[in-house]
Amino acid sequence: MVRTEQLAQAALSGDALSLRSLTQDWLRENPRLTESAPPEASDATIVAIAAALVELLAQRRNEPAPDWTRSIGPVPSPIYLLKSAITMPRLRHLCETESPLPLRRRNLFAPPTFLEFV
């Protein structure tokens, strides 16, 4: 069973292939996202990323996000979920200006199409 912490860790490490694969499995295991369990991690960054990813996936499915996501705040410093955004100014600008709202609210940045094709 895939946990939201695993999704968050893959996103944080920039492992796009693992993130897509884990997300596909997680979505199959959680057909009703509003009922998904909160992360059990103690790391606030992992919890924030998990909440943002779950909200993003719920938004894309036109479903309400689980209640637990509302109480999770942003990470203290910006995190780019694509490592190349750090060294590529245009990509960084795209991420900063067009990152999906569930990510931006938590100080996380990725292209607008992040995880669209899972």
PDB file of N, CA and C in Angstrom:
ATOM      1  N   MET A   1       0.838  -1.177   0.000  1.00  0.00           N
ATOM      2  CA  MET A   1       0.000   0.000   0.000  1.00  0.00           C
ATOM      3  C   MET A   1       0.892   1.252   0.000  1.00  0.00           C
ATOM      4  N   VAL A   2       0.600   2.144  -0.917  1.00  0.00           N
ATOM      5  CA  VAL A   2       1.378   3.373  -1.055  1.00  0.00           C
ATOM      6  C   VAL A   2       0.848   4.408  -0.063  1.00  0.00           C
ATOM      7  N   ARG A   3       1.773   5.087   0.599  1.00  0.00           N
ATOM      8  CA  ARG A   3       1.400   6.135   1.563  1.00  0.00           C
ATOM      9  C   ARG A   3       1.729   7.505   0.975  1.00  0.00           C
ATOM     10  N   THR A   4       1.023   8.511   1.423  1.00  0.00           N
ATOM     11  CA  THR A   4       1.263   9.860   0.915  1.00  0.00           C
ATOM     12  C   THR A   4       2.689  10.325   1.209  1.00  0.00           C
ATOM     13  N   GLU A   5       3.283   9.822   2.280  1.00  0.00           N
ATOM     14  CA  GLU A   5       4.671  10.174   2.594  1.00  0.00           C
ATOM     15  C   GLU A   5       5.606   9.736   1.476  1.00  0.00           C
ATOM     16  N   GLN A   6       5.300   8.600   0.858  1.00  0.00           N
ATOM     17  CA  GLN A   6       6.130   8.101  -0.232  1.00  0.00           C
ATOM     18  C   GLN A   6       6.020   9.024  -1.453  1.00  0.00           C
ATOM     19  N   LEU A   7       4.812   9.498  -1.725  1.00  0.00           N
ATOM     20  CA  LEU A   7       4.625  10.445  -2.822  1.00  0.00           C
ATOM     21  C   LEU A   7       5.451  11.699  -2.555  1.00  0.00           C
ATOM     22  N   ALA A   8       5.326  12.205  -1.350  1.00  0.00           N
ATOM     23  CA  ALA A   8       6.026  13.435  -0.976  1.00  0.00           C
ATOM     24  C   ALA A   8       7.538  13.263  -1.064  1.00  0.00           C
ATOM     25  N   GLN A   9       8.041  12.143  -0.602  1.00  0.00           N
ATOM     26  CA  GLN A   9       9.491  11.914  -0.641  1.00  0.00           C
ATOM     27  C   GLN A   9       9.986  11.826  -2.072  1.00  0.00           C
ATOM     28  N   ALA A  10       9.241  11.158  -2.940  1.00  0.00           N
ATOM     29  CA  ALA A  10       9.639  11.071  -4.350  1.00  0.00           C
ATOM     30  C   ALA A  10       9.623  12.454  -4.995  1.00  0.00           C
ATOM     31  N   ALA A  11       8.619  13.261  -4.668  1.00  0.00           N
ATOM     32  CA  ALA A  11       8.543  14.624  -5.210  1.00  0.00           C
ATOM     33  C   ALA A  11       9.716  15.462  -4.713  1.00  0.00           C
ATOM     34  N   LEU A  12      10.009  15.363  -3.435  1.00  0.00           N
ATOM     35  CA  LEU A  12      11.098  16.139  -2.843  1.00  0.00           C
ATOM     36  C   LEU A  12      12.455  15.757  -3.432  1.00  0.00           C
ATOM     37  N   SER A  13      12.642  14.491  -3.710  1.00  0.00           N
ATOM     38  CA  SER A  13      13.924  14.041  -4.262  1.00  0.00           C
ATOM     39  C   SER A  13      14.034  14.291  -5.766  1.00  0.00           C
ATOM     40  N   GLY A  14      12.936  14.727  -6.392  1.00  0.00           N
ATOM     41  CA  GLY A  14      12.963  15.009  -7.822  1.00  0.00           C
ATOM     42  C   GLY A  14      12.902  13.770  -8.686  1.00  0.00           C
ATOM     43  N   ASP A  15      12.445  12.676  -8.121  1.00  0.00           N
ATOM     44  CA  ASP A  15      12.354  11.412  -8.850  1.00  0.00           C
ATOM     45  C   ASP A  15      10.994  11.317  -9.539  1.00  0.00           C
ATOM     46  N   ALA A  16      10.901  11.943 -10.716  1.00  0.00           N
ATOM     47  CA  ALA A  16       9.625  12.050 -11.431  1.00  0.00           C
ATOM     48  C   ALA A  16       9.048  10.694 -11.819  1.00  0.00           C
ATOM     49  N   LEU A  17       9.890   9.774 -12.243  1.00  0.00           N
ATOM     50  CA  LEU A  17       9.408   8.453 -12.648  1.00  0.00           C
ATOM     51  C   LEU A  17       8.784   7.724 -11.469  1.00  0.00           C
ATOM     52  N   SER A  18       9.470   7.711 -10.344  1.00  0.00           N
ATOM     53  CA  SER A  18       8.912   7.061  -9.148  1.00  0.00           C
ATOM     54  C   SER A  18       7.647   7.766  -8.686  1.00  0.00           C
ATOM     55  N   LEU A  19       7.654   9.092  -8.731  1.00  0.00           N
ATOM     56  CA  LEU A  19       6.473   9.842  -8.302  1.00  0.00           C
ATOM     57  C   LEU A  19       5.266   9.480  -9.152  1.00  0.00           C
ATOM     58  N   ARG A  20       5.424   9.426 -10.461  1.00  0.00           N
ATOM     59  CA  ARG A  20       4.295   9.065 -11.329  1.00  0.00           C
ATOM     60  C   ARG A  20       3.814   7.654 -11.049  1.00  0.00           C
ATOM     61  N   SER A  21       4.739   6.735 -10.896  1.00  0.00           N
ATOM     62  CA  SER A  21       4.367   5.351 -10.627  1.00  0.00           C
ATOM     63  C   SER A  21       3.658   5.210  -9.277  1.00  0.00           C
ATOM     64  N   LEU A  22       4.230   5.822  -8.248  1.00  0.00           N
ATOM     65  CA  LEU A  22       3.609   5.772  -6.920  1.00  0.00           C
ATOM     66  C   LEU A  22       2.236   6.442  -6.927  1.00  0.00           C
ATOM     67  N   THR A  23       2.116   7.534  -7.667  1.00  0.00           N
ATOM     68  CA  THR A  23       0.842   8.250  -7.732  1.00  0.00           C
ATOM     69  C   THR A  23      -0.217   7.394  -8.403  1.00  0.00           C
ATOM     70  N   GLN A  24       0.135   6.706  -9.474  1.00  0.00           N
ATOM     71  CA  GLN A  24      -0.819   5.809 -10.127  1.00  0.00           C
ATOM     72  C   GLN A  24      -1.305   4.748  -9.146  1.00  0.00           C
ATOM     73  N   ASP A  25      -0.380   4.142  -8.423  1.00  0.00           N
ATOM     74  CA  ASP A  25      -0.754   3.116  -7.443  1.00  0.00           C
ATOM     75  C   ASP A  25      -1.619   3.706  -6.335  1.00  0.00           C
ATOM     76  N   TRP A  26      -1.218   4.880  -5.842  1.00  0.00           N
ATOM     77  CA  TRP A  26      -1.961   5.518  -4.753  1.00  0.00           C
ATOM     78  C   TRP A  26      -3.386   5.857  -5.187  1.00  0.00           C
ATOM     79  N   LEU A  27      -3.544   6.357  -6.404  1.00  0.00           N
ATOM     80  CA  LEU A  27      -4.878   6.690  -6.904  1.00  0.00           C
ATOM     81  C   LEU A  27      -5.750   5.444  -7.050  1.00  0.00           C
ATOM     82  N   ARG A  28      -5.166   4.344  -7.474  1.00  0.00           N
ATOM     83  CA  ARG A  28      -5.933   3.087  -7.551  1.00  0.00           C
ATOM     84  C   ARG A  28      -6.379   2.632  -6.164  1.00  0.00           C
ATOM     85  N   GLU A  29      -5.513   2.818  -5.187  1.00  0.00           N
ATOM     86  CA  GLU A  29      -5.826   2.387  -3.821  1.00  0.00           C
ATOM     87  C   GLU A  29      -6.751   3.357  -3.088  1.00  0.00           C
ATOM     88  N   ASN A  30      -6.887   4.576  -3.582  1.00  0.00           N
ATOM     89  CA  ASN A  30      -7.691   5.611  -2.932  1.00  0.00           C
ATOM     90  C   ASN A  30      -8.688   6.202  -3.931  1.00  0.00           C
ATOM     91  N   PRO A  31      -9.715   5.449  -4.297  1.00  0.00           N
ATOM     92  CA  PRO A  31     -10.654   5.943  -5.301  1.00  0.00           C
ATOM     93  C   PRO A  31     -11.434   7.176  -4.848  1.00  0.00           C
ATOM     94  N   ARG A  32     -11.618   7.333  -3.557  1.00  0.00           N
ATOM     95  CA  ARG A  32     -12.303   8.523  -3.025  1.00  0.00           C
ATOM     96  C   ARG A  32     -11.268   9.316  -2.231  1.00  0.00           C
ATOM     97  N   LEU A  33     -10.711  10.326  -2.875  1.00  0.00           N
ATOM     98  CA  LEU A  33      -9.607  11.071  -2.268  1.00  0.00           C
ATOM     99  C   LEU A  33     -10.000  11.757  -0.973  1.00  0.00           C
ATOM    100  N   THR A  34     -11.246  12.156  -0.860  1.00  0.00           N
ATOM    101  CA  THR A  34     -11.686  12.842   0.353  1.00  0.00           C
ATOM    102  C   THR A  34     -11.562  11.952   1.592  1.00  0.00           C
ATOM    103  N   GLU A  35     -11.481  10.653   1.376  1.00  0.00           N
ATOM    104  CA  GLU A  35     -11.362   9.709   2.484  1.00  0.00           C
ATOM    105  C   GLU A  35      -9.931   9.242   2.719  1.00  0.00           C
ATOM    106  N   SER A  36      -8.984   9.785   1.985  1.00  0.00           N
ATOM    107  CA  SER A  36      -7.600   9.335   2.141  1.00  0.00           C
ATOM    108  C   SER A  36      -7.040   9.747   3.504  1.00  0.00           C
ATOM    109  N   ALA A  37      -6.179   8.890   4.005  1.00  0.00           N
ATOM    110  CA  ALA A  37      -5.601   9.103   5.339  1.00  0.00           C
ATOM    111  C   ALA A  37      -4.486  10.147   5.294  1.00  0.00           C
ATOM    112  N   PRO A  38      -4.324  10.893   6.379  1.00  0.00           N
ATOM    113  CA  PRO A  38      -3.235  11.871   6.441  1.00  0.00           C
ATOM    114  C   PRO A  38      -1.883  11.169   6.556  1.00  0.00           C
ATOM    115  N   PRO A  39      -0.821  11.863   6.195  1.00  0.00           N
ATOM    116  CA  PRO A  39       0.514  11.259   6.326  1.00  0.00           C
ATOM    117  C   PRO A  39       0.856  11.047   7.796  1.00  0.00           C
ATOM    118  N   GLU A  40       1.667  10.036   8.036  1.00  0.00           N
ATOM    119  CA  GLU A  40       2.090   9.731   9.401  1.00  0.00           C
ATOM    120  C   GLU A  40       3.487  10.267   9.693  1.00  0.00           C
ATOM    121  N   ALA A  41       4.053  10.996   8.772  1.00  0.00           N
ATOM    122  CA  ALA A  41       5.415  11.518   8.922  1.00  0.00           C
ATOM    123  C   ALA A  41       5.469  12.612   9.978  1.00  0.00           C
ATOM    124  N   SER A  42       6.617  12.740  10.603  1.00  0.00           N
ATOM    125  CA  SER A  42       6.822  13.809  11.582  1.00  0.00           C
ATOM    126  C   SER A  42       7.538  15.009  10.946  1.00  0.00           C
ATOM    127  N   ASP A  43       8.057  14.834   9.752  1.00  0.00           N
ATOM    128  CA  ASP A  43       8.755  15.898   9.027  1.00  0.00           C
ATOM    129  C   ASP A  43       7.719  16.836   8.413  1.00  0.00           C
ATOM    130  N   ALA A  44       7.713  18.089   8.845  1.00  0.00           N
ATOM    131  CA  ALA A  44       6.716  19.068   8.380  1.00  0.00           C
ATOM    132  C   ALA A  44       6.795  19.299   6.876  1.00  0.00           C
ATOM    133  N   THR A  45       7.969  19.210   6.300  1.00  0.00           N
ATOM    134  CA  THR A  45       8.117  19.397   4.855  1.00  0.00           C
ATOM    135  C   THR A  45       7.425  18.268   4.104  1.00  0.00           C
ATOM    136  N   ILE A  46       7.639  17.053   4.530  1.00  0.00           N
ATOM    137  CA  ILE A  46       7.005  15.897   3.888  1.00  0.00           C
ATOM    138  C   ILE A  46       5.487  15.996   4.021  1.00  0.00           C
ATOM    139  N   VAL A  47       5.006  16.393   5.185  1.00  0.00           N
ATOM    140  CA  VAL A  47       3.561  16.533   5.405  1.00  0.00           C
ATOM    141  C   VAL A  47       2.982  17.612   4.487  1.00  0.00           C
ATOM    142  N   ALA A  48       3.675  18.735   4.354  1.00  0.00           N
ATOM    143  CA  ALA A  48       3.190  19.823   3.494  1.00  0.00           C
ATOM    144  C   ALA A  48       3.162  19.393   2.029  1.00  0.00           C
ATOM    145  N   ILE A  49       4.191  18.704   1.587  1.00  0.00           N
ATOM    146  CA  ILE A  49       4.224  18.229   0.203  1.00  0.00           C
ATOM    147  C   ILE A  49       3.117  17.210  -0.023  1.00  0.00           C
ATOM    148  N   ALA A  50       2.922  16.305   0.914  1.00  0.00           N
ATOM    149  CA  ALA A  50       1.857  15.309   0.794  1.00  0.00           C
ATOM    150  C   ALA A  50       0.496  15.983   0.688  1.00  0.00           C
ATOM    151  N   ALA A  51       0.243  16.957   1.533  1.00  0.00           N
ATOM    152  CA  ALA A  51      -1.039  17.664   1.505  1.00  0.00           C
ATOM    153  C   ALA A  51      -1.237  18.373   0.168  1.00  0.00           C
ATOM    154  N   ALA A  52      -0.196  19.028  -0.322  1.00  0.00           N
ATOM    155  CA  ALA A  52      -0.294  19.740  -1.596  1.00  0.00           C
ATOM    156  C   ALA A  52      -0.565  18.775  -2.748  1.00  0.00           C
ATOM    157  N   LEU A  53       0.118  17.644  -2.753  1.00  0.00           N
ATOM    158  CA  LEU A  53      -0.088  16.665  -3.825  1.00  0.00           C
ATOM    159  C   LEU A  53      -1.498  16.097  -3.792  1.00  0.00           C
ATOM    160  N   VAL A  54      -1.993  15.778  -2.614  1.00  0.00           N
ATOM    161  CA  VAL A  54      -3.351  15.238  -2.499  1.00  0.00           C
ATOM    162  C   VAL A  54      -4.372  16.283  -2.946  1.00  0.00           C
ATOM    163  N   GLU A  55      -4.173  17.541  -2.551  1.00  0.00           N
ATOM    164  CA  GLU A  55      -5.080  18.605  -3.006  1.00  0.00           C
ATOM    165  C   GLU A  55      -5.021  18.769  -4.524  1.00  0.00           C
ATOM    166  N   LEU A  56      -3.830  18.694  -5.089  1.00  0.00           N
ATOM    167  CA  LEU A  56      -3.669  18.812  -6.536  1.00  0.00           C
ATOM    168  C   LEU A  56      -4.417  17.692  -7.258  1.00  0.00           C
ATOM    169  N   LEU A  57      -4.249  16.473  -6.782  1.00  0.00           N
ATOM    170  CA  LEU A  57      -4.916  15.334  -7.406  1.00  0.00           C
ATOM    171  C   LEU A  57      -6.434  15.427  -7.251  1.00  0.00           C
ATOM    172  N   ALA A  58      -6.894  15.873  -6.102  1.00  0.00           N
ATOM    173  CA  ALA A  58      -8.333  16.045  -5.881  1.00  0.00           C
ATOM    174  C   ALA A  58      -8.881  17.114  -6.820  1.00  0.00           C
ATOM    175  N   GLN A  59      -8.155  18.217  -6.952  1.00  0.00           N
ATOM    176  CA  GLN A  59      -8.579  19.295  -7.840  1.00  0.00           C
ATOM    177  C   GLN A  59      -8.695  18.793  -9.273  1.00  0.00           C
ATOM    178  N   ARG A  60      -7.737  18.018  -9.702  1.00  0.00           N
ATOM    179  CA  ARG A  60      -7.750  17.509 -11.078  1.00  0.00           C
ATOM    180  C   ARG A  60      -8.882  16.516 -11.309  1.00  0.00           C
ATOM    181  N   ARG A  61      -9.342  15.884 -10.256  1.00  0.00           N
ATOM    182  CA  ARG A  61     -10.477  14.947 -10.360  1.00  0.00           C
ATOM    183  C   ARG A  61     -11.808  15.631 -10.057  1.00  0.00           C
ATOM    184  N   ASN A  62     -11.765  16.924  -9.808  1.00  0.00           N
ATOM    185  CA  ASN A  62     -12.965  17.671  -9.429  1.00  0.00           C
ATOM    186  C   ASN A  62     -13.636  17.077  -8.195  1.00  0.00           C
ATOM    187  N   GLU A  63     -12.815  16.723  -7.235  1.00  0.00           N
ATOM    188  CA  GLU A  63     -13.287  16.184  -5.960  1.00  0.00           C
ATOM    189  C   GLU A  63     -12.835  17.105  -4.838  1.00  0.00           C
ATOM    190  N   PRO A  64     -13.540  17.075  -3.718  1.00  0.00           N
ATOM    191  CA  PRO A  64     -13.042  17.837  -2.565  1.00  0.00           C
ATOM    192  C   PRO A  64     -11.804  17.148  -1.989  1.00  0.00           C
ATOM    193  N   ALA A  65     -10.890  17.957  -1.495  1.00  0.00           N
ATOM    194  CA  ALA A  65      -9.699  17.414  -0.829  1.00  0.00           C
ATOM    195  C   ALA A  65     -10.094  16.926   0.561  1.00  0.00           C
ATOM    196  N   PRO A  66      -9.339  16.007   1.123  1.00  0.00           N
ATOM    197  CA  PRO A  66      -9.636  15.542   2.482  1.00  0.00           C
ATOM    198  C   PRO A  66      -9.530  16.696   3.484  1.00  0.00           C
ATOM    199  N   ASP A  67     -10.305  16.623   4.532  1.00  0.00           N
ATOM    200  CA  ASP A  67     -10.316  17.678   5.554  1.00  0.00           C
ATOM    201  C   ASP A  67      -8.933  17.917   6.156  1.00  0.00           C
ATOM    202  N   TRP A  68      -8.147  16.869   6.328  1.00  0.00           N
ATOM    203  CA  TRP A  68      -6.855  17.015   7.004  1.00  0.00           C
ATOM    204  C   TRP A  68      -5.912  17.948   6.258  1.00  0.00           C
ATOM    205  N   THR A  69      -6.101  18.133   4.953  1.00  0.00           N
ATOM    206  CA  THR A  69      -5.181  18.982   4.191  1.00  0.00           C
ATOM    207  C   THR A  69      -5.312  20.451   4.577  1.00  0.00           C
ATOM    208  N   ARG A  70      -6.472  20.861   5.063  1.00  0.00           N
ATOM    209  CA  ARG A  70      -6.708  22.272   5.388  1.00  0.00           C
ATOM    210  C   ARG A  70      -5.844  22.782   6.536  1.00  0.00           C
ATOM    211  N   SER A  71      -5.439  21.895   7.403  1.00  0.00           N
ATOM    212  CA  SER A  71      -4.676  22.333   8.577  1.00  0.00           C
ATOM    213  C   SER A  71      -3.166  22.329   8.344  1.00  0.00           C
ATOM    214  N   ILE A  72      -2.735  21.983   7.147  1.00  0.00           N
ATOM    215  CA  ILE A  72      -1.306  21.884   6.844  1.00  0.00           C
ATOM    216  C   ILE A  72      -0.835  23.184   6.188  1.00  0.00           C
ATOM    217  N   GLY A  73       0.166  23.801   6.780  1.00  0.00           N
ATOM    218  CA  GLY A  73       0.699  25.054   6.264  1.00  0.00           C
ATOM    219  C   GLY A  73       1.785  24.858   5.227  1.00  0.00           C
ATOM    220  N   PRO A  74       2.389  25.969   4.790  1.00  0.00           N
ATOM    221  CA  PRO A  74       3.439  25.911   3.772  1.00  0.00           C
ATOM    222  C   PRO A  74       4.801  25.521   4.356  1.00  0.00           C
ATOM    223  N   VAL A  75       5.696  25.168   3.461  1.00  0.00           N
ATOM    224  CA  VAL A  75       7.080  24.937   3.869  1.00  0.00           C
ATOM    225  C   VAL A  75       7.730  26.312   4.061  1.00  0.00           C
ATOM    226  N   PRO A  76       8.735  26.416   4.927  1.00  0.00           N
ATOM    227  CA  PRO A  76       9.318  27.730   5.229  1.00  0.00           C
ATOM    228  C   PRO A  76      10.076  28.369   4.062  1.00  0.00           C
ATOM    229  N   SER A  77      10.720  27.564   3.242  1.00  0.00           N
ATOM    230  CA  SER A  77      11.494  28.078   2.100  1.00  0.00           C
ATOM    231  C   SER A  77      10.956  27.454   0.824  1.00  0.00           C
ATOM    232  N   PRO A  78      11.023  28.177  -0.289  1.00  0.00           N
ATOM    233  CA  PRO A  78      10.524  27.620  -1.551  1.00  0.00           C
ATOM    234  C   PRO A  78      11.234  26.313  -1.908  1.00  0.00           C
ATOM    235  N   ILE A  79      10.444  25.392  -2.439  1.00  0.00           N
ATOM    236  CA  ILE A  79      10.984  24.121  -2.922  1.00  0.00           C
ATOM    237  C   ILE A  79      10.522  23.944  -4.361  1.00  0.00           C
ATOM    238  N   TYR A  80      11.481  23.687  -5.246  1.00  0.00           N
ATOM    239  CA  TYR A  80      11.184  23.420  -6.648  1.00  0.00           C
ATOM    240  C   TYR A  80      11.149  21.913  -6.829  1.00  0.00           C
ATOM    241  N   LEU A  81      10.024  21.410  -7.293  1.00  0.00           N
ATOM    242  CA  LEU A  81       9.851  19.971  -7.420  1.00  0.00           C
ATOM    243  C   LEU A  81      10.494  19.407  -8.680  1.00  0.00           C
ATOM    244  N   LEU A  82      11.053  20.269  -9.495  1.00  0.00           N
ATOM    245  CA  LEU A  82      11.902  19.869 -10.619  1.00  0.00           C
ATOM    246  C   LEU A  82      13.285  20.448 -10.351  1.00  0.00           C
ATOM    247  N   LYS A  83      14.262  19.599 -10.208  1.00  0.00           N
ATOM    248  CA  LYS A  83      15.614  20.072  -9.895  1.00  0.00           C
ATOM    249  C   LYS A  83      16.138  21.044 -10.936  1.00  0.00           C
ATOM    250  N   SER A  84      15.772  20.837 -12.188  1.00  0.00           N
ATOM    251  CA  SER A  84      16.286  21.701 -13.251  1.00  0.00           C
ATOM    252  C   SER A  84      15.773  23.135 -13.148  1.00  0.00           C
ATOM    253  N   ALA A  85      14.698  23.367 -12.405  1.00  0.00           N
ATOM    254  CA  ALA A  85      14.175  24.732 -12.238  1.00  0.00           C
ATOM    255  C   ALA A  85      15.155  25.616 -11.465  1.00  0.00           C
ATOM    256  N   ILE A  86      16.030  25.013 -10.718  1.00  0.00           N
ATOM    257  CA  ILE A  86      17.005  25.782  -9.944  1.00  0.00           C
ATOM    258  C   ILE A  86      18.048  26.410 -10.869  1.00  0.00           C
ATOM    259  N   THR A  87      18.420  25.707 -11.933  1.00  0.00           N
ATOM    260  CA  THR A  87      19.483  26.182 -12.820  1.00  0.00           C
ATOM    261  C   THR A  87      18.972  26.773 -14.126  1.00  0.00           C
ATOM    262  N   MET A  88      17.698  26.607 -14.424  1.00  0.00           N
ATOM    263  CA  MET A  88      17.139  27.108 -15.681  1.00  0.00           C
ATOM    264  C   MET A  88      16.182  28.261 -15.390  1.00  0.00           C
ATOM    265  N   PRO A  89      16.620  29.491 -15.609  1.00  0.00           N
ATOM    266  CA  PRO A  89      15.809  30.665 -15.238  1.00  0.00           C
ATOM    267  C   PRO A  89      14.408  30.693 -15.837  1.00  0.00           C
ATOM    268  N   ARG A  90      14.252  30.314 -17.082  1.00  0.00           N
ATOM    269  CA  ARG A  90      12.914  30.341 -17.703  1.00  0.00           C
ATOM    270  C   ARG A  90      11.990  29.306 -17.068  1.00  0.00           C
ATOM    271  N   LEU A  91      12.512  28.135 -16.833  1.00  0.00           N
ATOM    272  CA  LEU A  91      11.713  27.097 -16.181  1.00  0.00           C
ATOM    273  C   LEU A  91      11.359  27.521 -14.760  1.00  0.00           C
ATOM    274  N   ARG A  92      12.309  28.093 -14.051  1.00  0.00           N
ATOM    275  CA  ARG A  92      12.050  28.575 -12.694  1.00  0.00           C
ATOM    276  C   ARG A  92      10.936  29.630 -12.702  1.00  0.00           C
ATOM    277  N   HIS A  93      11.016  30.564 -13.654  1.00  0.00           N
ATOM    278  CA  HIS A  93       9.983  31.603 -13.765  1.00  0.00           C
ATOM    279  C   HIS A  93       8.620  30.972 -14.066  1.00  0.00           C
ATOM    280  N   LEU A  94       8.585  30.012 -14.977  1.00  0.00           N
ATOM    281  CA  LEU A  94       7.337  29.311 -15.291  1.00  0.00           C
ATOM    282  C   LEU A  94       6.765  28.653 -14.030  1.00  0.00           C
ATOM    283  N   CYS A  95       7.613  27.983 -13.295  1.00  0.00           N
ATOM    284  CA  CYS A  95       7.174  27.320 -12.063  1.00  0.00           C
ATOM    285  C   CYS A  95       6.645  28.334 -11.048  1.00  0.00           C
ATOM    286  N   GLU A  96       7.342  29.442 -10.919  1.00  0.00           N
ATOM    287  CA  GLU A  96       6.936  30.447  -9.933  1.00  0.00           C
ATOM    288  C   GLU A  96       5.624  31.134 -10.306  1.00  0.00           C
ATOM    289  N   THR A  97       5.376  31.298 -11.573  1.00  0.00           N
ATOM    290  CA  THR A  97       4.183  32.039 -11.996  1.00  0.00           C
ATOM    291  C   THR A  97       2.993  31.154 -12.345  1.00  0.00           C
ATOM    292  N   GLU A  98       3.242  29.900 -12.727  1.00  0.00           N
ATOM    293  CA  GLU A  98       2.143  29.058 -13.193  1.00  0.00           C
ATOM    294  C   GLU A  98       2.014  27.728 -12.460  1.00  0.00           C
ATOM    295  N   SER A  99       2.713  27.582 -11.377  1.00  0.00           N
ATOM    296  CA  SER A  99       2.603  26.363 -10.583  1.00  0.00           C
ATOM    297  C   SER A  99       1.152  26.185 -10.141  1.00  0.00           C
ATOM    298  N   PRO A 100       0.642  24.966 -10.117  1.00  0.00           N
ATOM    299  CA  PRO A 100      -0.735  24.753  -9.665  1.00  0.00           C
ATOM    300  C   PRO A 100      -0.950  25.336  -8.261  1.00  0.00           C
ATOM    301  N   LEU A 101      -2.102  25.927  -8.052  1.00  0.00           N
ATOM    302  CA  LEU A 101      -2.403  26.616  -6.797  1.00  0.00           C
ATOM    303  C   LEU A 101      -2.190  25.749  -5.546  1.00  0.00           C
ATOM    304  N   PRO A 102      -2.591  24.476  -5.540  1.00  0.00           N
ATOM    305  CA  PRO A 102      -2.344  23.686  -4.325  1.00  0.00           C
ATOM    306  C   PRO A 102      -0.865  23.607  -3.943  1.00  0.00           C
ATOM    307  N   LEU A 103       0.001  23.690  -4.937  1.00  0.00           N
ATOM    308  CA  LEU A 103       1.440  23.677  -4.662  1.00  0.00           C
ATOM    309  C   LEU A 103       1.914  25.054  -4.206  1.00  0.00           C
ATOM    310  N   ARG A 104       1.538  26.081  -4.976  1.00  0.00           N
ATOM    311  CA  ARG A 104       1.978  27.448  -4.643  1.00  0.00           C
ATOM    312  C   ARG A 104       1.579  27.858  -3.238  1.00  0.00           C
ATOM    313  N   ARG A 105       0.374  27.468  -2.806  1.00  0.00           N
ATOM    314  CA  ARG A 105      -0.077  27.840  -1.461  1.00  0.00           C
ATOM    315  C   ARG A 105       0.860  27.320  -0.384  1.00  0.00           C
ATOM    316  N   ARG A 106       1.595  26.277  -0.700  1.00  0.00           N
ATOM    317  CA  ARG A 106       2.501  25.686   0.282  1.00  0.00           C
ATOM    318  C   ARG A 106       3.963  25.975  -0.043  1.00  0.00           C
ATOM    319  N   ASN A 107       4.206  26.957  -0.899  1.00  0.00           N
ATOM    320  CA  ASN A 107       5.566  27.380  -1.234  1.00  0.00           C
ATOM    321  C   ASN A 107       6.311  26.301  -2.025  1.00  0.00           C
ATOM    322  N   LEU A 108       5.562  25.549  -2.825  1.00  0.00           N
ATOM    323  CA  LEU A 108       6.113  24.502  -3.676  1.00  0.00           C
ATOM    324  C   LEU A 108       5.909  24.930  -5.127  1.00  0.00           C
ATOM    325  N   PHE A 109       6.891  24.653  -5.961  1.00  0.00           N
ATOM    326  CA  PHE A 109       6.825  25.139  -7.335  1.00  0.00           C
ATOM    327  C   PHE A 109       7.145  24.030  -8.331  1.00  0.00           C
ATOM    328  N   ALA A 110       6.306  23.950  -9.362  1.00  0.00           N
ATOM    329  CA  ALA A 110       6.447  22.970 -10.437  1.00  0.00           C
ATOM    330  C   ALA A 110       5.741  23.541 -11.668  1.00  0.00           C
ATOM    331  N   PRO A 111       5.982  22.977 -12.835  1.00  0.00           N
ATOM    332  CA  PRO A 111       5.288  23.461 -14.031  1.00  0.00           C
ATOM    333  C   PRO A 111       3.771  23.243 -13.907  1.00  0.00           C
ATOM    334  N   PRO A 112       2.985  23.977 -14.688  1.00  0.00           N
ATOM    335  CA  PRO A 112       1.532  23.868 -14.586  1.00  0.00           C
ATOM    336  C   PRO A 112       0.999  22.474 -14.908  1.00  0.00           C
ATOM    337  N   THR A 113       1.744  21.703 -15.659  1.00  0.00           N
ATOM    338  CA  THR A 113       1.293  20.353 -16.034  1.00  0.00           C
ATOM    339  C   THR A 113       1.814  19.258 -15.093  1.00  0.00           C
ATOM    340  N   PHE A 114       2.376  19.665 -13.976  1.00  0.00           N
ATOM    341  CA  PHE A 114       2.970  18.709 -13.026  1.00  0.00           C
ATOM    342  C   PHE A 114       1.944  17.643 -12.634  1.00  0.00           C
ATOM    343  N   LEU A 115       2.284  16.392 -12.832  1.00  0.00           N
ATOM    344  CA  LEU A 115       1.471  15.212 -12.512  1.00  0.00           C
ATOM    345  C   LEU A 115       0.155  15.144 -13.271  1.00  0.00           C
ATOM    346  N   GLU A 116       0.069  15.793 -14.421  1.00  0.00           N
ATOM    347  CA  GLU A 116      -1.152  15.651 -15.213  1.00  0.00           C
ATOM    348  C   GLU A 116      -1.250  14.282 -15.847  1.00  0.00           C
ATOM    349  N   PHE A 117      -0.139  13.740 -16.233  1.00  0.00           N
ATOM    350  CA  PHE A 117      -0.144  12.452 -16.909  1.00  0.00           C
ATOM    351  C   PHE A 117       0.344  11.357 -15.982  1.00  0.00           C
ATOM    352  N   VAL A 118      -0.517  10.961 -15.076  1.00  0.00           N
ATOM    353  CA  VAL A 118      -0.168   9.901 -14.119  1.00  0.00           C
ATOM    354  C   VAL A 118      -0.810   8.617 -14.508  1.00  0.00           C
TER     355      VAL A 118
END
